[in-house]
PDB file of N, CA and C in Angstrom:
ATOM      1  N   MET A   1     -49.058 -42.820 -19.605  1.00  0.00           N
ATOM      2  CA  MET A   1     -48.879 -44.235 -19.881  1.00  0.00           C
ATOM      3  C   MET A   1     -50.171 -44.961 -19.529  1.00  0.00           C
ATOM      4  N   ASN A   2     -50.658 -45.732 -20.447  1.00  0.00           N
ATOM      5  CA  ASN A   2     -51.877 -46.502 -20.253  1.00  0.00           C
ATOM      6  C   ASN A   2     -51.560 -47.732 -19.391  1.00  0.00           C
ATOM      7  N   GLU A   3     -52.203 -47.823 -18.230  1.00  0.00           N
ATOM      8  CA  GLU A   3     -51.888 -48.922 -17.307  1.00  0.00           C
ATOM      9  C   GLU A   3     -52.307 -50.282 -17.850  1.00  0.00           C
ATOM     10  N   LYS A   4     -53.337 -50.340 -18.686  1.00  0.00           N
ATOM     11  CA  LYS A   4     -53.724 -51.616 -19.304  1.00  0.00           C
ATOM     12  C   LYS A   4     -52.633 -52.074 -20.261  1.00  0.00           C
ATOM     13  N   LEU A   5     -52.066 -51.140 -20.998  1.00  0.00           N
ATOM     14  CA  LEU A   5     -50.965 -51.459 -21.904  1.00  0.00           C
ATOM     15  C   LEU A   5     -49.760 -51.951 -21.112  1.00  0.00           C
ATOM     16  N   LEU A   6     -49.490 -51.306 -20.000  1.00  0.00           N
ATOM     17  CA  LEU A   6     -48.344 -51.668 -19.169  1.00  0.00           C
ATOM     18  C   LEU A   6     -48.393 -53.126 -18.731  1.00  0.00           C
ATOM     19  N   ASN A   7     -49.574 -53.630 -18.453  1.00  0.00           N
ATOM     20  CA  ASN A   7     -49.719 -55.023 -18.025  1.00  0.00           C
ATOM     21  C   ASN A   7     -49.333 -56.016 -19.118  1.00  0.00           C
ATOM     22  N   ASN A   8     -49.303 -55.572 -20.366  1.00  0.00           N
ATOM     23  CA  ASN A   8     -48.971 -56.461 -21.485  1.00  0.00           C
ATOM     24  C   ASN A   8     -47.536 -56.306 -21.978  1.00  0.00           C
ATOM     25  N   LEU A   9     -46.807 -55.364 -21.420  1.00  0.00           N
ATOM     26  CA  LEU A   9     -45.426 -55.130 -21.862  1.00  0.00           C
ATOM     27  C   LEU A   9     -44.446 -55.906 -20.994  1.00  0.00           C
ATOM     28  N   VAL A  10     -43.420 -56.446 -21.642  1.00  0.00           N
ATOM     29  CA  VAL A  10     -42.360 -57.146 -20.913  1.00  0.00           C
ATOM     30  C   VAL A  10     -41.005 -56.643 -21.396  1.00  0.00           C
ATOM     31  N   CYS A  11     -40.005 -56.876 -20.594  1.00  0.00           N
ATOM     32  CA  CYS A  11     -38.639 -56.504 -20.943  1.00  0.00           C
ATOM     33  C   CYS A  11     -38.192 -57.321 -22.161  1.00  0.00           C
ATOM     34  N   PRO A  12     -37.609 -56.678 -23.170  1.00  0.00           N
ATOM     35  CA  PRO A  12     -37.163 -57.425 -24.347  1.00  0.00           C
ATOM     36  C   PRO A  12     -35.950 -58.323 -24.074  1.00  0.00           C
ATOM     37  N   VAL A  13     -35.277 -58.092 -22.967  1.00  0.00           N
ATOM     38  CA  VAL A  13     -34.090 -58.885 -22.635  1.00  0.00           C
ATOM     39  C   VAL A  13     -34.453 -60.112 -21.798  1.00  0.00           C
ATOM     40  N   THR A  14     -35.303 -59.910 -20.786  1.00  0.00           N
ATOM     41  CA  THR A  14     -35.603 -60.994 -19.840  1.00  0.00           C
ATOM     42  C   THR A  14     -37.025 -61.543 -19.930  1.00  0.00           C
ATOM     43  N   ASN A  15     -37.888 -60.888 -20.693  1.00  0.00           N
ATOM     44  CA  ASN A  15     -39.306 -61.267 -20.798  1.00  0.00           C
ATOM     45  C   ASN A  15     -40.022 -61.233 -19.451  1.00  0.00           C
ATOM     46  N   THR A  16     -39.610 -60.318 -18.567  1.00  0.00           N
ATOM     47  CA  THR A  16     -40.259 -60.155 -17.270  1.00  0.00           C
ATOM     48  C   THR A  16     -41.059 -58.857 -17.263  1.00  0.00           C
ATOM     49  N   GLN A  17     -41.971 -58.752 -16.303  1.00  0.00           N
ATOM     50  CA  GLN A  17     -42.849 -57.589 -16.159  1.00  0.00           C
ATOM     51  C   GLN A  17     -42.028 -56.310 -15.964  1.00  0.00           C
ATOM     52  N   LEU A  18     -42.527 -55.217 -16.527  1.00  0.00           N
ATOM     53  CA  LEU A  18     -41.901 -53.912 -16.374  1.00  0.00           C
ATOM     54  C   LEU A  18     -42.674 -53.086 -15.360  1.00  0.00           C
ATOM     55  N   GLU A  19     -41.961 -52.198 -14.662  1.00  0.00           N
ATOM     56  CA  GLU A  19     -42.581 -51.279 -13.712  1.00  0.00           C
ATOM     57  C   GLU A  19     -42.498 -49.876 -14.294  1.00  0.00           C
ATOM     58  N   TRP A  20     -43.550 -49.089 -14.093  1.00  0.00           N
ATOM     59  CA  TRP A  20     -43.581 -47.724 -14.593  1.00  0.00           C
ATOM     60  C   TRP A  20     -43.038 -46.786 -13.529  1.00  0.00           C
ATOM     61  N   ASP A  21     -41.942 -46.120 -13.837  1.00  0.00           N
ATOM     62  CA  ASP A  21     -41.374 -45.093 -12.972  1.00  0.00           C
ATOM     63  C   ASP A  21     -42.011 -43.775 -13.408  1.00  0.00           C
ATOM     64  N   LYS A  22     -43.081 -43.374 -12.728  1.00  0.00           N
ATOM     65  CA  LYS A  22     -43.843 -42.192 -13.119  1.00  0.00           C
ATOM     66  C   LYS A  22     -43.031 -40.907 -12.989  1.00  0.00           C
ATOM     67  N   GLN A  23     -42.163 -40.836 -11.996  1.00  0.00           N
ATOM     68  CA  GLN A  23     -41.377 -39.622 -11.766  1.00  0.00           C
ATOM     69  C   GLN A  23     -40.410 -39.349 -12.910  1.00  0.00           C
ATOM     70  N   GLN A  24     -39.781 -40.404 -13.436  1.00  0.00           N
ATOM     71  CA  GLN A  24     -38.797 -40.222 -14.499  1.00  0.00           C
ATOM     72  C   GLN A  24     -39.337 -40.646 -15.863  1.00  0.00           C
ATOM     73  N   ASN A  25     -40.623 -41.013 -15.902  1.00  0.00           N
ATOM     74  CA  ASN A  25     -41.313 -41.403 -17.126  1.00  0.00           C
ATOM     75  C   ASN A  25     -40.511 -42.440 -17.924  1.00  0.00           C
ATOM     76  N   ARG A  26     -40.338 -43.578 -17.305  1.00  0.00           N
ATOM     77  CA  ARG A  26     -39.613 -44.678 -17.951  1.00  0.00           C
ATOM     78  C   ARG A  26     -40.154 -45.994 -17.432  1.00  0.00           C
ATOM     79  N   LEU A  27     -39.831 -47.065 -18.140  1.00  0.00           N
ATOM     80  CA  LEU A  27     -40.219 -48.413 -17.724  1.00  0.00           C
ATOM     81  C   LEU A  27     -38.975 -49.123 -17.220  1.00  0.00           C
ATOM     82  N   VAL A  28     -39.092 -49.762 -16.071  1.00  0.00           N
ATOM     83  CA  VAL A  28     -37.939 -50.361 -15.404  1.00  0.00           C
ATOM     84  C   VAL A  28     -38.065 -51.875 -15.369  1.00  0.00           C
ATOM     85  N   SER A  29     -36.987 -52.539 -15.743  1.00  0.00           N
ATOM     86  CA  SER A  29     -36.871 -53.984 -15.601  1.00  0.00           C
ATOM     87  C   SER A  29     -35.911 -54.247 -14.452  1.00  0.00           C
ATOM     88  N   ARG A  30     -36.452 -54.676 -13.321  1.00  0.00           N
ATOM     89  CA  ARG A  30     -35.608 -54.944 -12.141  1.00  0.00           C
ATOM     90  C   ARG A  30     -34.644 -56.100 -12.402  1.00  0.00           C
ATOM     91  N   GLU A  31     -35.110 -57.120 -13.095  1.00  0.00           N
ATOM     92  CA  GLU A  31     -34.274 -58.300 -13.334  1.00  0.00           C
ATOM     93  C   GLU A  31     -33.086 -57.973 -14.244  1.00  0.00           C
ATOM     94  N   ALA A  32     -33.334 -57.209 -15.306  1.00  0.00           N
ATOM     95  CA  ALA A  32     -32.263 -56.847 -16.239  1.00  0.00           C
ATOM     96  C   ALA A  32     -31.479 -55.627 -15.760  1.00  0.00           C
ATOM     97  N   LYS A  33     -32.014 -54.932 -14.744  1.00  0.00           N
ATOM     98  CA  LYS A  33     -31.424 -53.697 -14.234  1.00  0.00           C
ATOM     99  C   LYS A  33     -31.268 -52.658 -15.346  1.00  0.00           C
ATOM    100  N   LEU A  34     -32.379 -52.509 -16.119  1.00  0.00           N
ATOM    101  CA  LEU A  34     -32.419 -51.551 -17.217  1.00  0.00           C
ATOM    102  C   LEU A  34     -33.673 -50.698 -17.100  1.00  0.00           C
ATOM    103  N   ALA A  35     -33.574 -49.466 -17.607  1.00  0.00           N
ATOM    104  CA  ALA A  35     -34.725 -48.568 -17.676  1.00  0.00           C
ATOM    105  C   ALA A  35     -34.896 -48.150 -19.127  1.00  0.00           C
ATOM    106  N   TYR A  36     -36.121 -48.288 -19.623  1.00  0.00           N
ATOM    107  CA  TYR A  36     -36.430 -47.964 -21.011  1.00  0.00           C
ATOM    108  C   TYR A  36     -37.196 -46.642 -21.065  1.00  0.00           C
ATOM    109  N   PRO A  37     -36.831 -45.761 -21.979  1.00  0.00           N
ATOM    110  CA  PRO A  37     -37.496 -44.456 -22.048  1.00  0.00           C
ATOM    111  C   PRO A  37     -38.896 -44.554 -22.645  1.00  0.00           C
ATOM    112  N   ILE A  38     -39.699 -43.551 -22.318  1.00  0.00           N
ATOM    113  CA  ILE A  38     -41.008 -43.380 -22.939  1.00  0.00           C
ATOM    114  C   ILE A  38     -40.936 -42.052 -23.675  1.00  0.00           C
ATOM    115  N   GLN A  39     -41.060 -42.083 -24.992  1.00  0.00           N
ATOM    116  CA  GLN A  39     -40.945 -40.872 -25.803  1.00  0.00           C
ATOM    117  C   GLN A  39     -42.275 -40.582 -26.485  1.00  0.00           C
ATOM    118  N   ASN A  40     -42.811 -39.393 -26.245  1.00  0.00           N
ATOM    119  CA  ASN A  40     -44.100 -38.988 -26.802  1.00  0.00           C
ATOM    120  C   ASN A  40     -45.199 -40.002 -26.477  1.00  0.00           C
ATOM    121  N   GLY A  41     -45.140 -40.571 -25.268  1.00  0.00           N
ATOM    122  CA  GLY A  41     -46.151 -41.524 -24.830  1.00  0.00           C
ATOM    123  C   GLY A  41     -45.955 -42.938 -25.338  1.00  0.00           C
ATOM    124  N   ILE A  42     -44.849 -43.184 -26.047  1.00  0.00           N
ATOM    125  CA  ILE A  42     -44.596 -44.504 -26.634  1.00  0.00           C
ATOM    126  C   ILE A  42     -43.365 -45.124 -25.973  1.00  0.00           C
ATOM    127  N   PRO A  43     -43.510 -46.308 -25.375  1.00  0.00           N
ATOM    128  CA  PRO A  43     -42.348 -46.983 -24.784  1.00  0.00           C
ATOM    129  C   PRO A  43     -41.365 -47.416 -25.876  1.00  0.00           C
ATOM    130  N   VAL A  44     -40.095 -47.134 -25.651  1.00  0.00           N
ATOM    131  CA  VAL A  44     -39.051 -47.543 -26.595  1.00  0.00           C
ATOM    132  C   VAL A  44     -38.364 -48.759 -25.979  1.00  0.00           C
ATOM    133  N   LEU A  45     -38.797 -49.949 -26.413  1.00  0.00           N
ATOM    134  CA  LEU A  45     -38.338 -51.194 -25.796  1.00  0.00           C
ATOM    135  C   LEU A  45     -37.298 -51.907 -26.658  1.00  0.00           C
ATOM    136  N   LEU A  46     -36.313 -51.186 -27.065  1.00  0.00           N
ATOM    137  CA  LEU A  46     -35.192 -51.779 -27.796  1.00  0.00           C
ATOM    138  C   LEU A  46     -34.063 -52.019 -26.802  1.00  0.00           C
ATOM    139  N   PRO A  47     -33.453 -53.200 -26.823  1.00  0.00           N
ATOM    140  CA  PRO A  47     -32.392 -53.485 -25.849  1.00  0.00           C
ATOM    141  C   PRO A  47     -31.299 -52.417 -25.819  1.00  0.00           C
ATOM    142  N   GLU A  48     -30.968 -51.847 -26.958  1.00  0.00           N
ATOM    143  CA  GLU A  48     -29.890 -50.860 -26.991  1.00  0.00           C
ATOM    144  C   GLU A  48     -30.301 -49.504 -26.395  1.00  0.00           C
ATOM    145  N   THR A  49     -31.596 -49.274 -26.169  1.00  0.00           N
ATOM    146  CA  THR A  49     -32.032 -48.018 -25.566  1.00  0.00           C
ATOM    147  C   THR A  49     -32.143 -48.103 -24.045  1.00  0.00           C
ATOM    148  N   GLY A  50     -32.014 -49.306 -23.506  1.00  0.00           N
ATOM    149  CA  GLY A  50     -32.109 -49.486 -22.056  1.00  0.00           C
ATOM    150  C   GLY A  50     -30.938 -48.834 -21.347  1.00  0.00           C
ATOM    151  N   GLU A  51     -31.249 -48.046 -20.343  1.00  0.00           N
ATOM    152  CA  GLU A  51     -30.231 -47.372 -19.539  1.00  0.00           C
ATOM    153  C   GLU A  51     -29.952 -48.232 -18.310  1.00  0.00           C
ATOM    154  N   LYS A  52     -28.681 -48.531 -18.048  1.00  0.00           N
ATOM    155  CA  LYS A  52     -28.330 -49.380 -16.911  1.00  0.00           C
ATOM    156  C   LYS A  52     -28.661 -48.676 -15.599  1.00  0.00           C
ATOM    157  N   LEU A  53     -29.241 -49.439 -14.703  1.00  0.00           N
ATOM    158  CA  LEU A  53     -29.562 -48.920 -13.361  1.00  0.00           C
ATOM    159  C   LEU A  53     -28.425 -49.247 -12.407  1.00  0.00           C
ATOM    160  N   GLU A  54     -28.227 -48.360 -11.455  1.00  0.00           N
ATOM    161  CA  GLU A  54     -27.217 -48.619 -10.433  1.00  0.00           C
ATOM    162  C   GLU A  54     -27.779 -49.588  -9.408  1.00  0.00           C
ATOM    163  N   ASP A  55     -26.925 -50.346  -8.766  1.00  0.00           N
ATOM    164  CA  ASP A  55     -27.378 -51.330  -7.758  1.00  0.00           C
ATOM    165  C   ASP A  55     -27.912 -50.692  -6.526  1.00  0.00           C
TER     166      ASP A  55
END
């Protein structure tokens, strides 16, 4: 994941900054409590692909 690109990506639901979970290779929106997958190096930022995070 390109860290410069990461600084320009926001959650499609809340428009807040995303965090890169390097261990699970996904982007996390703390505010929306969703994790978006990264497939073949490309973030999939569709609201329906977000996996709900546990509290």
